[in-house]
N, C-alpha and C. Protein backbone atom coordinates (compact mmCIF):
# COMPACT_ATOMS: atom_id res chain seq x y z
N UNK A 1 0.83 -1.20 0.00
CA UNK A 1 0.00 0.00 0.00
C UNK A 1 0.87 1.25 0.00
N UNK A 2 1.88 1.30 0.87
CA UNK A 2 2.77 2.45 0.90
C UNK A 2 3.64 2.52 -0.35
N UNK A 3 3.94 1.34 -0.95
CA UNK A 3 4.68 1.34 -2.22
C UNK A 3 3.86 2.08 -3.27
N UNK A 4 2.54 1.79 -3.31
CA UNK A 4 1.67 2.43 -4.28
C UNK A 4 1.60 3.93 -4.04
N UNK A 5 1.49 4.34 -2.78
CA UNK A 5 1.42 5.76 -2.46
C UNK A 5 2.67 6.48 -2.95
N UNK A 6 3.83 5.86 -2.76
CA UNK A 6 5.08 6.52 -3.16
C UNK A 6 5.14 6.67 -4.67
N UNK A 7 4.69 5.63 -5.39
CA UNK A 7 4.66 5.72 -6.85
C UNK A 7 3.71 6.82 -7.30
N UNK A 8 2.56 6.94 -6.63
CA UNK A 8 1.61 8.00 -6.96
C UNK A 8 2.23 9.37 -6.71
N UNK A 9 2.99 9.50 -5.62
CA UNK A 9 3.66 10.76 -5.32
C UNK A 9 4.57 11.16 -6.46
N UNK A 10 5.31 10.20 -7.00
CA UNK A 10 6.21 10.48 -8.13
C UNK A 10 5.43 10.97 -9.33
N UNK A 11 4.33 10.30 -9.65
CA UNK A 11 3.53 10.68 -10.81
C UNK A 11 2.90 12.04 -10.62
N UNK A 12 2.41 12.31 -9.41
CA UNK A 12 1.82 13.61 -9.13
C UNK A 12 2.86 14.71 -9.25
N UNK A 13 4.07 14.45 -8.77
CA UNK A 13 5.15 15.44 -8.90
C UNK A 13 5.40 15.78 -10.36
N UNK A 14 5.40 14.76 -11.20
CA UNK A 14 5.60 14.99 -12.63
C UNK A 14 4.45 15.81 -13.20
N UNK A 15 3.22 15.48 -12.80
CA UNK A 15 2.06 16.21 -13.29
C UNK A 15 2.06 17.66 -12.87
N UNK A 16 2.41 17.91 -11.61
CA UNK A 16 2.48 19.28 -11.13
C UNK A 16 3.57 20.06 -11.84
N UNK A 17 4.68 19.38 -12.14
CA UNK A 17 5.76 20.04 -12.86
C UNK A 17 5.33 20.40 -14.27
N UNK A 18 4.58 19.51 -14.92
CA UNK A 18 4.06 19.81 -16.25
C UNK A 18 3.17 21.04 -16.19
N UNK A 19 2.31 21.10 -15.16
CA UNK A 19 1.43 22.25 -15.00
C UNK A 19 2.22 23.52 -14.84
N UNK A 20 3.28 23.46 -14.02
CA UNK A 20 4.11 24.64 -13.80
C UNK A 20 4.76 25.10 -15.09
N UNK A 21 5.28 24.14 -15.87
CA UNK A 21 5.92 24.50 -17.13
C UNK A 21 4.92 25.10 -18.10
N UNK A 22 3.69 24.54 -18.12
CA UNK A 22 2.66 25.05 -19.00
C UNK A 22 2.28 26.46 -18.63
N UNK A 23 2.16 26.71 -17.31
CA UNK A 23 1.80 28.04 -16.85
C UNK A 23 2.86 29.06 -17.21
N UNK A 24 4.12 28.64 -17.22
CA UNK A 24 5.21 29.56 -17.51
C UNK A 24 5.47 29.70 -19.01
N UNK A 25 4.81 28.84 -19.80
CA UNK A 25 5.02 28.89 -21.23
C UNK A 25 6.29 28.21 -21.67
N UNK A 26 6.91 27.42 -20.81
CA UNK A 26 8.16 26.75 -21.16
C UNK A 26 7.88 25.55 -22.04
N UNK A 27 8.87 25.15 -22.84
CA UNK A 27 8.67 24.05 -23.77
C UNK A 27 9.25 22.74 -23.26
N UNK A 28 10.09 22.78 -22.23
CA UNK A 28 10.73 21.56 -21.73
C UNK A 28 9.94 21.00 -20.57
N UNK A 29 9.54 19.73 -20.66
CA UNK A 29 8.77 19.10 -19.60
C UNK A 29 9.68 18.22 -18.76
N UNK A 30 9.33 18.02 -17.49
CA UNK A 30 10.15 17.18 -16.62
C UNK A 30 10.07 15.73 -17.03
N UNK A 31 11.06 14.96 -16.61
CA UNK A 31 11.12 13.55 -16.97
C UNK A 31 10.75 12.64 -15.81
N UNK A 32 10.55 13.18 -14.60
CA UNK A 32 10.27 12.30 -13.48
C UNK A 32 9.48 12.98 -12.35
N UNK A 33 9.27 12.17 -11.42
CA UNK A 33 8.45 12.18 -10.30
C UNK A 33 7.07 11.95 -10.66
N UNK A 34 12.40 12.85 -2.33
CA UNK A 34 12.01 12.20 -3.34
C UNK A 34 12.49 11.94 -2.74
N UNK A 35 19.80 20.44 12.84
CA UNK A 35 18.47 20.15 13.12
C UNK A 35 18.21 18.96 13.93
N UNK A 36 16.91 18.49 13.65
CA UNK A 36 16.37 17.35 14.38
C UNK A 36 16.94 16.05 13.84
N UNK A 37 16.98 15.04 14.65
CA UNK A 37 17.40 13.71 14.24
C UNK A 37 16.18 12.84 14.09
N UNK A 38 16.02 12.18 12.93
CA UNK A 38 14.86 11.36 12.66
C UNK A 38 15.30 9.94 12.41
N UNK A 39 14.58 8.98 13.02
CA UNK A 39 15.01 7.60 12.86
C UNK A 39 13.88 6.61 12.60
N UNK A 40 12.64 6.92 12.92
CA UNK A 40 11.57 5.95 12.82
C UNK A 40 10.66 6.26 11.65
N UNK A 41 9.90 5.25 11.15
CA UNK A 41 8.98 5.50 10.06
C UNK A 41 8.31 4.25 9.57
N UNK A 42 7.76 4.31 8.34
CA UNK A 42 7.00 3.23 7.78
C UNK A 42 7.54 2.90 6.40
N UNK A 43 6.84 2.01 5.68
CA UNK A 43 7.35 1.49 4.41
C UNK A 43 7.07 2.44 3.27
N UNK A 44 7.81 2.27 2.19
CA UNK A 44 7.65 3.11 1.01
C UNK A 44 7.82 2.27 -0.24
N UNK A 45 7.95 2.91 -1.40
CA UNK A 45 8.15 2.21 -2.66
C UNK A 45 9.18 2.90 -3.49
N UNK A 46 9.28 2.53 -4.77
CA UNK A 46 10.35 3.05 -5.58
C UNK A 46 9.87 4.19 -6.45
N UNK A 47 10.69 5.22 -6.66
CA UNK A 47 10.33 6.29 -7.58
C UNK A 47 10.58 5.88 -9.02
N UNK A 48 9.89 6.56 -9.93
CA UNK A 48 10.19 6.36 -11.34
C UNK A 48 11.54 6.99 -11.65
N UNK A 49 12.22 6.44 -12.62
CA UNK A 49 13.55 6.94 -12.95
C UNK A 49 13.47 8.06 -13.96
N UNK A 50 14.13 9.19 -13.69
CA UNK A 50 14.20 10.24 -14.70
C UNK A 50 15.04 9.75 -15.88
N UNK A 51 14.71 10.20 -17.07
CA UNK A 51 15.50 9.84 -18.24
C UNK A 51 16.80 10.64 -18.30
N UNK A 52 16.76 11.86 -17.84
CA UNK A 52 17.96 12.69 -17.84
C UNK A 52 17.76 13.85 -16.89
N UNK A 53 18.84 14.36 -16.31
CA UNK A 53 18.72 15.52 -15.43
C UNK A 53 18.56 16.80 -16.23
N UNK A 54 18.08 17.83 -15.55
CA UNK A 54 18.04 19.16 -16.14
C UNK A 54 19.46 19.61 -16.45
N UNK A 55 19.63 20.45 -17.44
CA UNK A 55 20.96 20.94 -17.79
C UNK A 55 21.67 21.52 -16.58
N UNK A 56 22.95 21.23 -16.46
CA UNK A 56 23.75 21.66 -15.33
C UNK A 56 24.38 23.02 -15.64
N UNK A 57 24.57 23.82 -14.61
CA UNK A 57 25.27 25.07 -14.81
C UNK A 57 24.37 26.28 -14.69
N UNK A 58 23.07 26.11 -14.38
CA UNK A 58 22.20 27.25 -14.17
C UNK A 58 21.93 27.42 -12.68
N UNK A 59 20.94 28.24 -12.35
CA UNK A 59 20.67 28.54 -10.96
C UNK A 59 19.82 27.48 -10.26
N UNK A 60 19.47 26.41 -10.96
CA UNK A 60 18.61 25.39 -10.36
C UNK A 60 19.35 24.47 -9.41
N UNK A 61 20.68 24.51 -9.42
CA UNK A 61 21.47 23.67 -8.53
C UNK A 61 21.90 22.38 -9.19
N UNK A 62 22.46 21.48 -8.39
CA UNK A 62 22.96 20.22 -8.91
C UNK A 62 23.20 19.24 -7.77
N UNK A 63 23.49 18.00 -8.14
CA UNK A 63 23.91 16.99 -7.17
C UNK A 63 25.10 16.24 -7.77
N UNK A 64 25.93 15.69 -6.90
CA UNK A 64 27.09 14.92 -7.35
C UNK A 64 27.15 13.62 -6.57
N UNK A 65 27.34 12.51 -7.27
CA UNK A 65 27.34 11.18 -6.66
C UNK A 65 28.61 10.44 -7.04
N UNK A 66 29.19 9.73 -6.08
CA UNK A 66 30.33 8.86 -6.33
C UNK A 66 30.05 7.49 -5.74
N UNK A 67 30.31 6.44 -6.51
CA UNK A 67 30.08 5.06 -6.07
C UNK A 67 31.40 4.31 -6.16
N UNK A 68 31.77 3.63 -5.07
CA UNK A 68 33.01 2.85 -5.04
C UNK A 68 32.71 1.45 -4.51
N UNK A 69 33.55 0.50 -4.89
CA UNK A 69 33.38 -0.88 -4.46
C UNK A 69 33.28 -1.79 -5.67
N UNK A 70 32.34 -2.74 -5.63
CA UNK A 70 32.14 -3.62 -6.78
C UNK A 70 31.48 -2.88 -7.94
N UNK A 71 30.85 -1.76 -7.65
CA UNK A 71 30.38 -0.83 -8.68
C UNK A 71 31.19 0.45 -8.54
N UNK A 72 31.69 0.96 -9.65
CA UNK A 72 32.41 2.22 -9.64
C UNK A 72 31.76 3.16 -10.65
N UNK A 73 31.28 4.28 -10.15
CA UNK A 73 30.59 5.23 -11.02
C UNK A 73 30.65 6.61 -10.38
N UNK A 74 30.48 7.62 -11.21
CA UNK A 74 30.45 8.99 -10.71
C UNK A 74 29.64 9.83 -11.69
N UNK A 75 28.76 10.66 -11.17
CA UNK A 75 27.97 11.50 -12.06
C UNK A 75 27.50 12.76 -11.34
N UNK A 76 27.15 13.75 -12.14
CA UNK A 76 26.56 14.99 -11.65
C UNK A 76 25.23 15.19 -12.34
N UNK A 77 24.21 15.47 -11.57
CA UNK A 77 22.88 15.71 -12.11
C UNK A 77 22.44 17.14 -11.86
N UNK A 78 21.63 17.67 -12.76
CA UNK A 78 21.15 19.03 -12.63
C UNK A 78 19.92 19.14 -11.75
N UNK A 79 19.49 20.37 -11.52
CA UNK A 79 18.32 20.63 -10.70
C UNK A 79 17.07 20.81 -11.55
N UNK A 80 16.09 21.50 -10.98
CA UNK A 80 14.83 21.72 -11.69
C UNK A 80 13.73 20.80 -11.21
N UNK A 81 12.59 20.87 -11.89
CA UNK A 81 11.40 20.14 -11.45
C UNK A 81 11.55 18.62 -11.56
N UNK A 82 12.49 18.13 -12.35
CA UNK A 82 12.70 16.69 -12.44
C UNK A 82 13.57 16.17 -11.30
N UNK A 83 14.15 17.07 -10.51
CA UNK A 83 15.09 16.65 -9.47
C UNK A 83 14.61 16.90 -8.06
N UNK A 84 13.75 17.89 -7.85
CA UNK A 84 13.31 18.19 -6.50
C UNK A 84 11.84 18.58 -6.50
N UNK A 85 11.08 18.00 -5.58
CA UNK A 85 9.69 18.36 -5.38
C UNK A 85 9.36 18.35 -3.90
N UNK A 86 8.70 19.40 -3.43
CA UNK A 86 8.35 19.51 -2.01
C UNK A 86 7.02 20.24 -1.89
N UNK A 87 6.09 19.64 -1.17
CA UNK A 87 4.74 20.17 -1.08
C UNK A 87 4.63 21.65 -0.77
N UNK A 88 5.25 22.12 0.31
CA UNK A 88 5.13 23.54 0.64
C UNK A 88 5.73 24.49 -0.39
N UNK A 89 6.55 23.97 -1.29
CA UNK A 89 7.12 24.81 -2.35
C UNK A 89 6.15 24.98 -3.53
N UNK A 90 5.16 24.14 -3.63
CA UNK A 90 4.29 24.11 -4.81
C UNK A 90 3.13 25.08 -4.62
N UNK A 91 2.90 26.01 -5.54
CA UNK A 91 1.80 26.97 -5.42
C UNK A 91 0.45 26.27 -5.32
N UNK A 92 -0.45 26.85 -4.54
CA UNK A 92 -1.75 26.24 -4.28
C UNK A 92 -2.54 25.99 -5.56
N UNK A 93 -2.43 26.89 -6.55
CA UNK A 93 -3.22 26.72 -7.76
C UNK A 93 -2.74 25.53 -8.59
N UNK A 94 -1.47 25.12 -8.42
CA UNK A 94 -0.95 23.95 -9.12
C UNK A 94 -1.29 22.66 -8.38
N UNK A 95 -1.53 22.75 -7.08
CA UNK A 95 -1.76 21.56 -6.26
C UNK A 95 -3.23 21.22 -6.10
N UNK A 96 -4.12 22.08 -6.57
CA UNK A 96 -5.54 21.94 -6.25
C UNK A 96 -6.13 20.62 -6.76
N UNK A 97 -5.66 20.09 -7.87
CA UNK A 97 -6.22 18.86 -8.43
C UNK A 97 -5.40 17.61 -8.10
N UNK A 98 -4.47 17.73 -7.18
CA UNK A 98 -3.64 16.57 -6.82
C UNK A 98 -4.48 15.51 -6.11
N UNK A 99 -4.29 14.21 -6.46
CA UNK A 99 -5.03 13.13 -5.79
C UNK A 99 -4.51 12.80 -4.40
N UNK A 100 -3.36 13.34 -4.02
CA UNK A 100 -2.80 13.11 -2.69
C UNK A 100 -2.44 14.46 -2.09
N UNK A 101 -2.30 14.53 -0.76
CA UNK A 101 -1.96 15.80 -0.13
C UNK A 101 -0.63 16.35 -0.64
N UNK A 102 -0.62 17.62 -0.96
CA UNK A 102 0.62 18.29 -1.37
C UNK A 102 1.06 19.13 -0.18
N UNK A 103 1.65 18.44 0.78
CA UNK A 103 2.10 19.06 2.03
C UNK A 103 3.49 18.54 2.35
N UNK A 104 3.85 18.51 3.64
CA UNK A 104 5.20 18.07 4.01
C UNK A 104 5.45 16.59 3.74
N UNK A 105 4.39 15.80 3.50
CA UNK A 105 4.57 14.39 3.16
C UNK A 105 4.95 14.21 1.69
N UNK A 106 4.88 15.28 0.92
CA UNK A 106 5.18 15.26 -0.51
C UNK A 106 6.61 15.74 -0.70
N UNK A 107 7.54 14.79 -0.87
CA UNK A 107 8.96 15.13 -0.99
C UNK A 107 9.64 14.13 -1.91
N UNK A 108 10.28 14.62 -2.95
CA UNK A 108 11.05 13.79 -3.88
C UNK A 108 12.37 14.49 -4.17
N UNK A 109 13.48 13.77 -4.03
CA UNK A 109 14.79 14.32 -4.41
C UNK A 109 15.49 13.28 -5.28
N UNK A 110 15.73 13.63 -6.54
CA UNK A 110 16.35 12.73 -7.51
C UNK A 110 17.74 13.21 -7.89
N UNK A 111 18.68 12.28 -7.97
CA UNK A 111 20.01 12.59 -8.51
C UNK A 111 20.29 11.58 -9.62
N UNK A 112 20.07 12.01 -10.85
CA UNK A 112 20.12 11.10 -12.00
C UNK A 112 21.22 11.49 -12.96
N UNK A 113 21.83 10.47 -13.55
CA UNK A 113 22.78 10.69 -14.64
C UNK A 113 22.02 10.68 -15.95
N UNK A 114 22.74 10.77 -17.07
CA UNK A 114 22.09 10.65 -18.37
C UNK A 114 22.06 9.20 -18.84
N UNK A 115 22.46 8.27 -17.95
CA UNK A 115 22.31 6.83 -18.22
C UNK A 115 21.37 6.26 -17.16
N UNK A 116 21.61 5.04 -16.69
CA UNK A 116 20.74 4.43 -15.69
C UNK A 116 21.28 4.59 -14.27
N UNK A 117 22.33 5.35 -14.09
CA UNK A 117 22.81 5.62 -12.73
C UNK A 117 21.87 6.60 -12.05
N UNK A 118 21.37 6.21 -10.89
CA UNK A 118 20.33 7.01 -10.24
C UNK A 118 20.27 6.70 -8.75
N UNK A 119 20.07 7.74 -7.94
CA UNK A 119 19.70 7.57 -6.54
C UNK A 119 18.64 8.61 -6.23
N UNK A 120 17.56 8.15 -5.59
CA UNK A 120 16.46 9.04 -5.26
C UNK A 120 16.02 8.84 -3.83
N UNK A 121 15.47 9.88 -3.23
CA UNK A 121 15.07 9.85 -1.83
C UNK A 121 13.63 10.33 -1.69
N UNK A 122 12.91 9.72 -0.74
CA UNK A 122 11.54 10.13 -0.47
C UNK A 122 11.11 9.64 0.89
N UNK A 123 10.02 10.20 1.43
CA UNK A 123 9.55 9.81 2.76
C UNK A 123 8.93 8.42 2.77
N UNK A 124 9.07 7.74 3.88
CA UNK A 124 8.45 6.44 4.07
C UNK A 124 7.04 6.65 4.60
N UNK A 125 6.06 6.03 3.96
CA UNK A 125 4.69 6.15 4.43
C UNK A 125 4.23 7.59 4.43
N UNK A 126 3.64 8.00 5.54
CA UNK A 126 3.08 9.34 5.66
C UNK A 126 4.00 10.29 6.42
N UNK A 127 5.29 9.99 6.47
CA UNK A 127 6.20 10.86 7.22
C UNK A 127 6.23 12.25 6.59
N UNK A 128 6.07 13.27 7.42
CA UNK A 128 6.11 14.66 6.98
C UNK A 128 7.53 15.19 7.13
N UNK A 129 8.12 15.60 6.03
CA UNK A 129 9.49 16.11 6.03
C UNK A 129 9.47 17.59 6.40
N UNK A 130 10.00 17.96 7.56
CA UNK A 130 9.97 19.37 7.95
C UNK A 130 10.96 20.21 7.15
N UNK A 131 10.64 21.47 6.97
CA UNK A 131 11.54 22.38 6.26
C UNK A 131 12.59 22.90 7.25
N UNK A 132 13.57 22.01 7.54
CA UNK A 132 14.62 22.36 8.49
C UNK A 132 15.77 21.38 8.34
N UNK A 133 16.96 21.74 8.79
CA UNK A 133 18.07 20.79 8.77
C UNK A 133 17.74 19.56 9.61
N UNK A 134 18.19 18.39 9.16
CA UNK A 134 17.91 17.15 9.88
C UNK A 134 18.84 16.06 9.38
N UNK A 135 19.05 15.05 10.21
CA UNK A 135 19.80 13.86 9.83
C UNK A 135 18.88 12.66 9.90
N UNK A 136 18.68 11.99 8.77
CA UNK A 136 17.80 10.83 8.68
C UNK A 136 18.64 9.57 8.48
N UNK A 137 18.35 8.55 9.26
CA UNK A 137 19.03 7.27 9.14
C UNK A 137 18.31 6.40 8.11
N UNK A 138 19.03 5.95 7.10
CA UNK A 138 18.50 4.99 6.12
C UNK A 138 18.94 3.62 6.60
N UNK A 139 18.02 2.89 7.21
CA UNK A 139 18.39 1.66 7.90
C UNK A 139 18.63 0.50 6.93
N UNK A 140 19.50 -0.42 7.36
CA UNK A 140 19.81 -1.61 6.57
C UNK A 140 18.54 -2.39 6.28
N UNK A 141 18.48 -3.00 5.09
CA UNK A 141 17.27 -3.71 4.68
C UNK A 141 17.61 -4.76 3.64
N UNK A 142 16.80 -5.81 3.59
CA UNK A 142 16.92 -6.82 2.54
C UNK A 142 16.11 -6.45 1.31
N UNK A 143 15.46 -5.29 1.35
CA UNK A 143 14.59 -4.86 0.26
C UNK A 143 15.15 -3.63 -0.42
N UNK A 144 14.97 -3.56 -1.74
CA UNK A 144 15.36 -2.35 -2.47
C UNK A 144 14.48 -1.17 -2.10
N UNK A 145 13.31 -1.45 -1.52
CA UNK A 145 12.40 -0.39 -1.11
C UNK A 145 12.79 0.21 0.23
N UNK A 146 13.71 -0.40 0.94
CA UNK A 146 14.17 0.15 2.21
C UNK A 146 13.47 -0.45 3.41
N UNK A 147 13.97 -0.10 4.58
CA UNK A 147 13.45 -0.61 5.84
C UNK A 147 12.17 0.10 6.25
N UNK A 148 11.24 -0.64 6.86
CA UNK A 148 10.02 -0.05 7.37
C UNK A 148 10.28 0.84 8.59
N UNK A 149 11.48 0.80 9.13
CA UNK A 149 11.81 1.58 10.33
C UNK A 149 12.52 2.89 10.01
N UNK A 150 12.56 3.26 8.75
CA UNK A 150 13.20 4.52 8.35
C UNK A 150 12.14 5.58 8.08
N UNK A 151 12.52 6.84 8.19
CA UNK A 151 11.63 7.94 7.82
C UNK A 151 11.87 8.40 6.39
N UNK A 152 13.12 8.28 5.94
CA UNK A 152 13.48 8.59 4.56
C UNK A 152 14.06 7.33 3.94
N UNK A 153 13.60 7.00 2.74
CA UNK A 153 14.12 5.84 2.03
C UNK A 153 14.86 6.25 0.77
N UNK A 154 15.68 5.35 0.27
CA UNK A 154 16.45 5.60 -0.95
C UNK A 154 16.21 4.47 -1.94
N UNK A 155 16.17 4.81 -3.23
CA UNK A 155 16.09 3.82 -4.29
C UNK A 155 17.24 4.05 -5.25
N UNK A 156 17.91 2.97 -5.65
CA UNK A 156 19.18 3.06 -6.38
C UNK A 156 19.15 2.18 -7.61
N UNK A 157 19.67 2.67 -8.72
CA UNK A 157 19.96 1.83 -9.88
C UNK A 157 21.34 2.19 -10.42
N UNK A 158 21.99 1.20 -11.02
CA UNK A 158 23.30 1.43 -11.64
C UNK A 158 23.26 1.02 -13.10
N UNK A 159 23.88 1.79 -13.94
CA UNK A 159 23.96 1.48 -15.36
C UNK A 159 24.68 0.15 -15.56
N UNK A 160 24.07 -0.77 -16.30
CA UNK A 160 24.67 -2.06 -16.58
C UNK A 160 24.39 -3.12 -15.53
N UNK A 161 23.72 -2.76 -14.44
CA UNK A 161 23.40 -3.73 -13.40
C UNK A 161 22.06 -4.39 -13.67
N UNK A 162 21.97 -5.69 -13.36
CA UNK A 162 20.73 -6.44 -13.60
C UNK A 162 20.03 -6.83 -12.30
N UNK A 163 20.41 -6.21 -11.19
CA UNK A 163 19.84 -6.61 -9.91
C UNK A 163 19.23 -5.42 -9.19
N UNK A 164 18.69 -5.68 -8.00
CA UNK A 164 18.20 -4.63 -7.13
C UNK A 164 19.22 -4.40 -6.01
N UNK A 165 19.33 -3.16 -5.59
CA UNK A 165 20.29 -2.78 -4.56
C UNK A 165 19.57 -2.21 -3.35
N UNK A 166 20.00 -2.67 -2.15
CA UNK A 166 19.42 -2.17 -0.92
C UNK A 166 20.50 -1.86 0.09
N UNK A 167 20.18 -1.07 1.12
CA UNK A 167 21.19 -0.69 2.12
C UNK A 167 21.70 -1.89 2.91
N UNK A 168 23.01 -2.11 2.88
CA UNK A 168 23.62 -3.25 3.58
C UNK A 168 23.90 -2.93 5.04
N UNK A 169 23.98 -1.66 5.37
CA UNK A 169 24.17 -1.17 6.74
C UNK A 169 23.51 0.20 6.80
N UNK A 170 23.40 0.75 8.00
CA UNK A 170 22.75 2.04 8.13
C UNK A 170 23.50 3.12 7.35
N UNK A 171 22.76 3.91 6.60
CA UNK A 171 23.30 5.06 5.90
C UNK A 171 22.67 6.33 6.43
N UNK A 172 23.01 7.45 5.81
CA UNK A 172 22.48 8.74 6.26
C UNK A 172 22.08 9.61 5.08
N UNK A 173 20.99 10.33 5.27
CA UNK A 173 20.56 11.41 4.38
C UNK A 173 20.52 12.66 5.24
N UNK A 174 21.43 13.59 4.98
CA UNK A 174 21.62 14.75 5.86
C UNK A 174 21.20 16.02 5.12
N UNK A 175 20.22 16.71 5.66
CA UNK A 175 19.83 18.02 5.13
C UNK A 175 20.51 19.08 5.98
N UNK A 176 21.40 19.83 5.37
CA UNK A 176 22.14 20.86 6.11
C UNK A 176 21.49 22.24 6.01
N UNK A 177 20.75 22.48 4.92
CA UNK A 177 20.05 23.74 4.72
C UNK A 177 18.71 23.44 4.05
N UNK A 178 17.64 24.09 4.52
CA UNK A 178 16.32 23.85 3.93
C UNK A 178 15.43 25.04 4.29
N UNK A 179 15.05 25.81 3.28
CA UNK A 179 14.13 26.92 3.49
C UNK A 179 13.24 27.07 2.26
N UNK A 180 12.56 28.18 2.15
CA UNK A 180 11.61 28.37 1.05
C UNK A 180 12.29 28.50 -0.30
N UNK A 181 13.59 28.73 -0.30
CA UNK A 181 14.30 28.98 -1.55
C UNK A 181 15.20 27.85 -2.02
N UNK A 182 15.69 27.00 -1.10
CA UNK A 182 16.64 25.97 -1.53
C UNK A 182 16.75 24.85 -0.49
N UNK A 183 17.39 23.76 -0.91
CA UNK A 183 17.71 22.64 -0.03
C UNK A 183 19.14 22.19 -0.35
N UNK A 184 19.90 21.82 0.68
CA UNK A 184 21.27 21.35 0.48
C UNK A 184 21.59 20.28 1.50
N UNK A 185 22.52 19.40 1.14
CA UNK A 185 22.91 18.36 2.09
C UNK A 185 23.83 17.33 1.48
N UNK A 186 23.96 16.22 2.19
CA UNK A 186 24.85 15.13 1.78
C UNK A 186 24.16 13.79 2.06
N UNK A 187 24.72 12.72 1.50
CA UNK A 187 24.22 11.38 1.81
C UNK A 187 25.33 10.36 1.67
N UNK A 188 25.17 9.27 2.39
CA UNK A 188 26.13 8.15 2.36
C UNK A 188 25.35 6.87 2.62
N UNK A 189 25.40 5.93 1.66
CA UNK A 189 24.61 4.69 1.77
C UNK A 189 25.46 3.51 1.32
N UNK A 190 25.77 2.58 2.23
CA UNK A 190 26.38 1.31 1.79
C UNK A 190 25.27 0.41 1.24
N UNK A 191 25.48 -0.16 0.07
CA UNK A 191 24.45 -0.99 -0.57
C UNK A 191 25.02 -2.34 -0.99
N UNK A 192 24.11 -3.30 -1.20
CA UNK A 192 24.51 -4.62 -1.68
C UNK A 192 23.44 -5.16 -2.61
N UNK A 193 23.80 -6.17 -3.37
CA UNK A 193 22.87 -6.90 -4.22
C UNK A 193 21.88 -7.65 -3.33
N UNK A 194 20.60 -7.24 -3.35
CA UNK A 194 19.62 -7.86 -2.46
C UNK A 194 18.85 -9.00 -3.14
N UNK A 195 19.14 -9.27 -4.41
CA UNK A 195 18.45 -10.37 -5.10
C UNK A 195 19.24 -11.67 -5.11
N UNK A 196 20.54 -11.60 -4.86
CA UNK A 196 21.39 -12.78 -5.01
C UNK A 196 20.93 -13.93 -4.14
N UNK A 197 20.57 -13.66 -2.88
CA UNK A 197 20.15 -14.73 -1.98
C UNK A 197 18.86 -15.38 -2.44
N UNK A 198 18.00 -14.61 -3.09
CA UNK A 198 16.71 -15.14 -3.54
C UNK A 198 16.83 -15.87 -4.87
N UNK A 199 17.65 -15.35 -5.76
CA UNK A 199 17.74 -15.90 -7.11
C UNK A 199 18.73 -17.05 -7.24
N UNK A 200 19.69 -17.10 -6.32
CA UNK A 200 20.74 -18.10 -6.44
C UNK A 200 21.81 -17.73 -7.44
N UNK A 201 21.67 -16.56 -8.07
CA UNK A 201 22.67 -16.09 -9.03
C UNK A 201 23.86 -15.48 -8.27
N UNK A 202 25.03 -15.44 -8.90
CA UNK A 202 26.17 -14.80 -8.25
C UNK A 202 25.86 -13.34 -7.90
N UNK A 203 26.30 -12.91 -6.74
CA UNK A 203 26.04 -11.55 -6.30
C UNK A 203 26.86 -10.54 -7.12
N UNK A 204 26.26 -9.40 -7.40
CA UNK A 204 27.00 -8.31 -8.04
C UNK A 204 27.83 -7.55 -7.02
N UNK A 205 27.69 -7.91 -5.74
CA UNK A 205 28.59 -7.36 -4.74
C UNK A 205 28.02 -6.25 -3.89
N UNK A 206 28.92 -5.40 -3.41
CA UNK A 206 28.58 -4.30 -2.51
C UNK A 206 29.24 -3.02 -3.01
N UNK A 207 28.70 -1.90 -2.57
CA UNK A 207 29.26 -0.60 -2.98
C UNK A 207 28.90 0.45 -1.94
N UNK A 208 29.61 1.54 -1.97
CA UNK A 208 29.33 2.68 -1.10
C UNK A 208 28.96 3.88 -1.98
N UNK A 209 27.79 4.44 -1.71
CA UNK A 209 27.31 5.62 -2.43
C UNK A 209 27.49 6.84 -1.54
N UNK A 210 28.18 7.85 -2.02
CA UNK A 210 28.29 9.12 -1.31
C UNK A 210 27.91 10.24 -2.27
N UNK A 211 27.39 11.32 -1.71
CA UNK A 211 27.02 12.42 -2.59
C UNK A 211 26.65 13.67 -1.83
N UNK A 212 26.46 14.72 -2.60
CA UNK A 212 26.04 16.01 -2.06
C UNK A 212 25.09 16.66 -3.04
N UNK A 213 24.25 17.56 -2.54
CA UNK A 213 23.27 18.21 -3.39
C UNK A 213 22.99 19.62 -2.90
N UNK A 214 22.59 20.47 -3.83
CA UNK A 214 22.05 21.78 -3.56
C UNK A 214 21.10 22.11 -4.69
N UNK A 215 19.81 22.14 -4.39
CA UNK A 215 18.80 22.47 -5.38
C UNK A 215 18.04 23.71 -4.93
N UNK A 216 17.75 24.59 -5.87
CA UNK A 216 16.89 25.73 -5.57
C UNK A 216 15.44 25.37 -5.86
N UNK A 217 14.54 26.09 -5.24
CA UNK A 217 13.10 25.88 -5.45
C UNK A 217 12.76 26.16 -6.91
N UNK A 218 12.28 25.15 -7.65
CA UNK A 218 12.01 25.36 -9.08
C UNK A 218 10.64 25.94 -9.37
N UNK A 219 9.83 26.16 -8.33
CA UNK A 219 8.45 26.60 -8.54
C UNK A 219 8.32 28.13 -8.53
């Protein structure tokens, strides 16, 4: 049930972004849709994968990801409506037809390459993400959807990988700055092949994902 809600959140984010672009007369549509210490929460699901990030080098911000271990990759993704969505940032006239609440429970942060390398973050269940600095624990899990005991979950894909990846030990999603104009922070997630034990296929191994982000409010 919470997996479905999270998928709906992604689709609604994309729809609201389309509305915003239409209202502004822009021709480019989005491709997707993510202090206090927080540790508890409920289950979530996986976000849709953006096809490509917004162009890098403008005022929308960016994210940078490095992966080491059995997977080695590095990429920088741009900002904009395909990369960040947050309920309180979205104007009321754009949110009026949303099938789900567009409030603090509506949060999507995507860091995508122009291939299949991707890491995205979103709230578990109905957790409301406050507009303030915070450190969220991404707890170890045998599922690519993350642990039911986390407040923020992560979904990961790697270019050329044929498996699902989940947190092998506790990781962190750290918001260092968060206000009406921008969000910034870092993340670190150890991950492993979570399908190998079920499929009997050789494991693709383990890796460490680290990254940083700064996105401005695209609305």
